[in-house]
């Protein structure tokens, strides 16, 4: 895994907004190894300058959400470097998620789109 910079995070954020505003998708959560085998599906779309996460519309198992979760750029930028620290074992999952309730969704998006 290569080192990631703030610039990489900004570029990925822009890619997510552009891609998901045109084509909202269902994405699966990810384990530390990068596997989605045990993950749960969620639906994500871009609305304005934020990402909106809801329960999956067609795939199971789906994440169970009472309300739409909103991911802001600030939250995404804060967790972006933590994803790579978690994946490489530098940081535990508990540390990597910080105070975010959206870390599973953010990590899944990074895993899928940061290629």
N, C-alpha and C. Protein backbone atom coordinates (compact mmCIF):
# COMPACT_ATOMS: atom_id res chain seq x y z
N UNK A 1 0.85 -1.18 0.00
CA UNK A 1 0.00 0.00 0.00
C UNK A 1 0.89 1.24 0.00
N UNK A 2 0.67 2.15 -0.91
CA UNK A 2 1.50 3.34 -0.98
C UNK A 2 1.09 4.37 0.07
N UNK A 3 2.00 5.30 0.36
CA UNK A 3 1.67 6.39 1.28
C UNK A 3 0.63 7.29 0.64
N UNK A 4 -0.29 7.77 1.43
CA UNK A 4 -1.37 8.61 0.94
C UNK A 4 -1.23 10.01 1.53
N UNK A 5 -1.53 11.01 0.74
CA UNK A 5 -1.40 12.39 1.17
C UNK A 5 -2.76 13.06 1.28
N UNK A 6 -2.74 14.27 1.81
CA UNK A 6 -3.95 15.07 1.86
C UNK A 6 -4.48 15.32 0.46
N UNK A 7 -3.57 15.52 -0.48
CA UNK A 7 -3.98 15.72 -1.87
C UNK A 7 -4.72 14.50 -2.40
N UNK A 8 -4.23 13.30 -2.06
CA UNK A 8 -4.93 12.07 -2.47
C UNK A 8 -6.34 12.04 -1.91
N UNK A 9 -6.50 12.46 -0.65
CA UNK A 9 -7.81 12.47 -0.01
C UNK A 9 -8.75 13.45 -0.70
N UNK A 10 -8.25 14.64 -1.04
CA UNK A 10 -9.06 15.64 -1.72
C UNK A 10 -9.50 15.13 -3.09
N UNK A 11 -8.57 14.52 -3.82
CA UNK A 11 -8.89 14.00 -5.15
C UNK A 11 -9.94 12.88 -5.06
N UNK A 12 -9.79 12.01 -4.06
CA UNK A 12 -10.78 10.94 -3.90
C UNK A 12 -12.14 11.51 -3.52
N UNK A 13 -12.17 12.50 -2.63
CA UNK A 13 -13.43 13.12 -2.25
C UNK A 13 -14.14 13.69 -3.49
N UNK A 14 -13.39 14.39 -4.33
CA UNK A 14 -13.96 14.95 -5.55
C UNK A 14 -14.46 13.84 -6.47
N UNK A 15 -13.71 12.77 -6.58
CA UNK A 15 -14.12 11.63 -7.40
C UNK A 15 -15.43 11.03 -6.88
N UNK A 16 -15.53 10.88 -5.55
CA UNK A 16 -16.74 10.32 -4.96
C UNK A 16 -17.95 11.21 -5.25
N UNK A 17 -17.81 12.51 -5.06
CA UNK A 17 -18.93 13.42 -5.32
C UNK A 17 -19.37 13.35 -6.77
N UNK A 18 -18.41 13.36 -7.67
CA UNK A 18 -18.72 13.32 -9.10
C UNK A 18 -19.37 11.99 -9.50
N UNK A 19 -18.73 10.90 -9.10
CA UNK A 19 -19.21 9.56 -9.46
C UNK A 19 -20.58 9.27 -8.87
N UNK A 20 -20.73 9.54 -7.58
CA UNK A 20 -21.96 9.14 -6.89
C UNK A 20 -23.13 10.11 -7.11
N UNK A 21 -22.85 11.30 -7.62
CA UNK A 21 -23.96 12.18 -8.00
C UNK A 21 -24.55 11.71 -9.32
N UNK A 22 -23.69 11.18 -10.20
CA UNK A 22 -24.16 10.65 -11.49
C UNK A 22 -24.74 9.25 -11.36
N UNK A 23 -24.13 8.44 -10.51
CA UNK A 23 -24.52 7.04 -10.41
C UNK A 23 -24.43 6.56 -8.96
N UNK A 24 -25.48 6.83 -8.15
CA UNK A 24 -25.50 6.31 -6.78
C UNK A 24 -25.33 4.78 -6.82
N UNK A 25 -24.71 4.23 -5.77
CA UNK A 25 -24.39 2.81 -5.78
C UNK A 25 -24.61 2.15 -4.44
N UNK A 26 -24.67 0.83 -4.50
CA UNK A 26 -24.62 0.04 -3.29
C UNK A 26 -23.19 -0.45 -3.14
N UNK A 27 -22.66 -0.30 -1.93
CA UNK A 27 -21.27 -0.64 -1.63
C UNK A 27 -21.29 -1.54 -0.40
N UNK A 28 -20.30 -2.41 -0.29
CA UNK A 28 -20.23 -3.34 0.84
C UNK A 28 -19.12 -2.94 1.79
N UNK A 29 -19.40 -3.02 3.09
CA UNK A 29 -18.38 -2.70 4.09
C UNK A 29 -17.22 -3.68 3.97
N UNK A 30 -16.08 -3.30 4.55
CA UNK A 30 -14.83 -4.00 4.33
C UNK A 30 -14.15 -4.39 5.64
N UNK A 31 -13.43 -5.52 5.62
CA UNK A 31 -12.66 -5.94 6.78
C UNK A 31 -11.24 -5.39 6.68
N UNK A 32 -10.45 -5.60 7.72
CA UNK A 32 -9.07 -5.12 7.76
C UNK A 32 -8.23 -5.66 6.60
N UNK A 33 -8.57 -6.85 6.13
CA UNK A 33 -7.81 -7.45 5.03
C UNK A 33 -8.23 -6.92 3.66
N UNK A 34 -9.28 -6.12 3.64
CA UNK A 34 -9.80 -5.61 2.37
C UNK A 34 -10.91 -6.46 1.81
N UNK A 35 -11.26 -7.52 2.51
CA UNK A 35 -12.32 -8.42 2.06
C UNK A 35 -13.69 -7.81 2.34
N UNK A 36 -14.61 -8.04 1.43
CA UNK A 36 -15.99 -7.62 1.64
C UNK A 36 -16.91 -8.82 1.90
N UNK A 37 -16.32 -10.00 2.04
CA UNK A 37 -17.10 -11.23 2.17
C UNK A 37 -18.10 -11.19 3.32
N UNK A 38 -17.71 -10.64 4.45
CA UNK A 38 -18.59 -10.60 5.62
C UNK A 38 -19.30 -9.26 5.77
N UNK A 39 -19.13 -8.38 4.80
CA UNK A 39 -19.65 -7.02 4.91
C UNK A 39 -21.15 -6.92 4.71
N UNK A 40 -21.64 -5.75 5.02
CA UNK A 40 -23.05 -5.42 4.80
C UNK A 40 -23.14 -4.32 3.75
N UNK A 41 -24.20 -4.40 2.96
CA UNK A 41 -24.40 -3.45 1.87
C UNK A 41 -25.03 -2.17 2.38
N UNK A 42 -24.69 -1.07 1.73
CA UNK A 42 -25.35 0.21 1.98
C UNK A 42 -25.44 0.96 0.66
N UNK A 43 -26.36 1.89 0.60
CA UNK A 43 -26.60 2.70 -0.59
C UNK A 43 -26.00 4.08 -0.34
N UNK A 44 -25.26 4.59 -1.30
CA UNK A 44 -24.63 5.91 -1.14
C UNK A 44 -24.83 6.75 -2.38
N UNK A 45 -25.16 8.03 -2.15
CA UNK A 45 -25.24 8.98 -3.25
C UNK A 45 -24.69 10.32 -2.79
N UNK A 46 -24.30 11.12 -3.75
CA UNK A 46 -23.79 12.45 -3.45
C UNK A 46 -24.92 13.46 -3.60
N UNK A 47 -25.08 14.29 -2.59
CA UNK A 47 -26.08 15.34 -2.59
C UNK A 47 -25.36 16.64 -2.22
N UNK A 48 -25.23 17.52 -3.20
CA UNK A 48 -24.47 18.75 -2.96
C UNK A 48 -23.02 18.42 -2.67
N UNK A 49 -22.54 18.89 -1.54
CA UNK A 49 -21.14 18.65 -1.16
C UNK A 49 -21.00 17.61 -0.06
N UNK A 50 -21.95 16.68 0.02
CA UNK A 50 -21.91 15.63 1.04
C UNK A 50 -22.32 14.29 0.42
N UNK A 51 -21.99 13.23 1.12
CA UNK A 51 -22.43 11.89 0.73
C UNK A 51 -23.54 11.47 1.68
N UNK A 52 -24.59 10.87 1.12
CA UNK A 52 -25.70 10.38 1.92
C UNK A 52 -25.71 8.86 1.88
N UNK A 53 -25.77 8.26 3.06
CA UNK A 53 -25.76 6.80 3.19
C UNK A 53 -27.10 6.34 3.74
N UNK A 54 -27.66 5.33 3.08
CA UNK A 54 -28.93 4.72 3.51
C UNK A 54 -28.80 3.21 3.44
N UNK A 55 -29.83 2.53 3.91
CA UNK A 55 -29.86 1.07 3.78
C UNK A 55 -29.82 0.70 2.31
N UNK A 56 -29.23 -0.45 2.02
CA UNK A 56 -29.20 -0.94 0.64
C UNK A 56 -30.62 -1.09 0.12
N UNK A 57 -30.78 -0.84 -1.16
CA UNK A 57 -32.11 -0.92 -1.77
C UNK A 57 -32.39 -2.29 -2.38
N UNK A 58 -31.34 -2.98 -2.85
CA UNK A 58 -31.56 -4.26 -3.53
C UNK A 58 -30.72 -5.41 -3.00
N UNK A 59 -29.64 -5.12 -2.29
CA UNK A 59 -28.72 -6.19 -1.88
C UNK A 59 -28.85 -6.50 -0.40
N UNK A 60 -28.56 -7.76 -0.06
CA UNK A 60 -28.58 -8.19 1.33
C UNK A 60 -27.29 -8.94 1.63
N UNK A 61 -26.83 -8.94 2.89
CA UNK A 61 -27.44 -8.25 4.03
C UNK A 61 -27.18 -6.75 3.95
N UNK A 62 -28.15 -5.99 4.41
CA UNK A 62 -28.06 -4.54 4.37
C UNK A 62 -27.73 -4.00 5.75
N UNK A 63 -26.99 -2.89 5.78
CA UNK A 63 -26.81 -2.16 7.03
C UNK A 63 -28.18 -1.70 7.49
N UNK A 64 -28.39 -1.67 8.78
CA UNK A 64 -29.66 -1.21 9.33
C UNK A 64 -29.49 0.22 9.81
N UNK A 65 -30.18 1.14 9.16
CA UNK A 65 -30.08 2.56 9.50
C UNK A 65 -31.47 3.13 9.71
N UNK A 66 -31.67 3.80 10.83
CA UNK A 66 -32.96 4.44 11.11
C UNK A 66 -33.12 5.72 10.29
N UNK A 67 -32.00 6.40 10.05
CA UNK A 67 -32.02 7.66 9.31
C UNK A 67 -30.84 7.71 8.34
N UNK A 68 -30.93 8.58 7.38
CA UNK A 68 -29.83 8.80 6.44
C UNK A 68 -28.62 9.32 7.20
N UNK A 69 -27.47 8.76 6.90
CA UNK A 69 -26.21 9.25 7.46
C UNK A 69 -25.60 10.21 6.45
N UNK A 70 -25.06 11.31 6.93
CA UNK A 70 -24.43 12.30 6.07
C UNK A 70 -22.93 12.32 6.36
N UNK A 71 -22.15 12.15 5.30
CA UNK A 71 -20.69 12.21 5.42
C UNK A 71 -20.23 13.52 4.79
N UNK A 72 -19.55 14.33 5.60
CA UNK A 72 -19.03 15.61 5.11
C UNK A 72 -17.57 15.45 4.69
N UNK A 73 -17.09 16.42 3.97
CA UNK A 73 -15.69 16.42 3.55
C UNK A 73 -14.77 16.44 4.77
N UNK A 74 -15.11 17.21 5.78
CA UNK A 74 -14.28 17.31 6.98
C UNK A 74 -14.12 15.93 7.63
N UNK A 75 -15.22 15.22 7.77
CA UNK A 75 -15.18 13.89 8.38
C UNK A 75 -14.39 12.92 7.50
N UNK A 76 -14.62 12.96 6.20
CA UNK A 76 -13.90 12.09 5.28
C UNK A 76 -12.39 12.36 5.34
N UNK A 77 -12.01 13.62 5.31
CA UNK A 77 -10.59 13.99 5.33
C UNK A 77 -9.92 13.53 6.64
N UNK A 78 -10.64 13.59 7.73
CA UNK A 78 -10.09 13.17 9.02
C UNK A 78 -9.85 11.67 9.07
N UNK A 79 -10.73 10.89 8.45
CA UNK A 79 -10.61 9.43 8.53
C UNK A 79 -9.79 8.81 7.41
N UNK A 80 -9.59 9.53 6.33
CA UNK A 80 -8.85 8.98 5.19
C UNK A 80 -7.50 8.38 5.59
N UNK A 81 -6.62 9.10 6.30
CA UNK A 81 -5.33 8.49 6.64
C UNK A 81 -5.47 7.34 7.64
N UNK A 82 -6.51 7.38 8.46
CA UNK A 82 -6.71 6.31 9.44
C UNK A 82 -7.00 4.98 8.76
N UNK A 83 -7.68 5.02 7.62
CA UNK A 83 -7.99 3.78 6.90
C UNK A 83 -6.71 3.02 6.59
N UNK A 84 -5.71 3.70 6.08
CA UNK A 84 -4.46 3.04 5.70
C UNK A 84 -3.66 2.60 6.92
N UNK A 85 -3.74 3.36 8.01
CA UNK A 85 -3.07 2.95 9.25
C UNK A 85 -3.73 1.70 9.81
N UNK A 86 -5.05 1.63 9.72
CA UNK A 86 -5.80 0.45 10.18
C UNK A 86 -5.47 -0.76 9.32
N UNK A 87 -5.48 -0.60 8.01
CA UNK A 87 -5.22 -1.71 7.09
C UNK A 87 -3.81 -2.27 7.24
N UNK A 88 -2.85 -1.41 7.63
CA UNK A 88 -1.47 -1.88 7.76
C UNK A 88 -1.12 -2.26 9.20
N UNK A 89 -2.09 -2.18 10.11
CA UNK A 89 -1.87 -2.61 11.49
C UNK A 89 -1.24 -1.57 12.39
N UNK A 90 -1.05 -0.36 11.90
CA UNK A 90 -0.46 0.71 12.71
C UNK A 90 -1.47 1.22 13.74
N UNK A 91 -2.74 1.07 13.42
CA UNK A 91 -3.81 1.60 14.25
C UNK A 91 -4.90 0.54 14.39
N UNK A 92 -5.47 0.43 15.58
CA UNK A 92 -6.58 -0.51 15.77
C UNK A 92 -7.84 0.05 15.12
N UNK A 93 -8.82 -0.79 14.92
CA UNK A 93 -10.10 -0.35 14.33
C UNK A 93 -10.74 0.71 15.22
N UNK A 94 -10.67 0.49 16.53
CA UNK A 94 -11.26 1.43 17.48
C UNK A 94 -10.58 2.80 17.37
N UNK A 95 -9.27 2.81 17.26
CA UNK A 95 -8.55 4.08 17.09
C UNK A 95 -8.88 4.70 15.73
N UNK A 96 -8.90 3.88 14.70
CA UNK A 96 -9.08 4.38 13.33
C UNK A 96 -10.43 5.06 13.13
N UNK A 97 -11.46 4.57 13.80
CA UNK A 97 -12.78 5.15 13.59
C UNK A 97 -12.95 6.50 14.25
N UNK A 98 -12.04 6.84 15.19
CA UNK A 98 -12.14 8.14 15.86
C UNK A 98 -13.50 8.31 16.50
N UNK A 99 -14.08 9.47 16.37
CA UNK A 99 -15.41 9.73 16.93
C UNK A 99 -16.51 9.60 15.89
N UNK A 100 -16.18 9.02 14.76
CA UNK A 100 -17.13 8.94 13.65
C UNK A 100 -18.06 7.74 13.76
N UNK A 101 -19.32 7.99 13.50
CA UNK A 101 -20.30 6.91 13.39
C UNK A 101 -20.36 6.38 11.96
N UNK A 102 -19.60 7.03 11.06
CA UNK A 102 -19.64 6.68 9.65
C UNK A 102 -18.36 6.00 9.16
N UNK A 103 -17.49 5.61 10.06
CA UNK A 103 -16.19 5.07 9.64
C UNK A 103 -16.33 3.82 8.77
N UNK A 104 -17.25 2.95 9.06
CA UNK A 104 -17.42 1.74 8.23
C UNK A 104 -17.76 2.10 6.79
N UNK A 105 -18.60 3.12 6.63
CA UNK A 105 -19.00 3.54 5.29
C UNK A 105 -17.85 4.26 4.57
N UNK A 106 -17.17 5.12 5.31
CA UNK A 106 -16.03 5.82 4.72
C UNK A 106 -14.94 4.84 4.31
N UNK A 107 -14.63 3.88 5.17
CA UNK A 107 -13.59 2.90 4.85
C UNK A 107 -13.99 2.05 3.64
N UNK A 108 -15.27 1.70 3.54
CA UNK A 108 -15.74 0.93 2.39
C UNK A 108 -15.60 1.73 1.10
N UNK A 109 -15.90 3.01 1.17
CA UNK A 109 -15.77 3.87 -0.02
C UNK A 109 -14.31 4.03 -0.44
N UNK A 110 -13.43 4.19 0.52
CA UNK A 110 -12.00 4.28 0.21
C UNK A 110 -11.54 2.98 -0.42
N UNK A 111 -11.94 1.87 0.17
CA UNK A 111 -11.53 0.56 -0.35
C UNK A 111 -11.98 0.36 -1.80
N UNK A 112 -13.19 0.78 -2.10
CA UNK A 112 -13.75 0.57 -3.45
C UNK A 112 -13.23 1.57 -4.49
N UNK A 113 -13.08 2.82 -4.11
CA UNK A 113 -12.81 3.86 -5.10
C UNK A 113 -11.37 4.38 -5.13
N UNK A 114 -10.58 4.12 -4.11
CA UNK A 114 -9.21 4.66 -4.08
C UNK A 114 -8.25 3.66 -4.72
N UNK A 115 -8.37 3.54 -6.03
CA UNK A 115 -7.52 2.59 -6.76
C UNK A 115 -6.64 3.30 -7.77
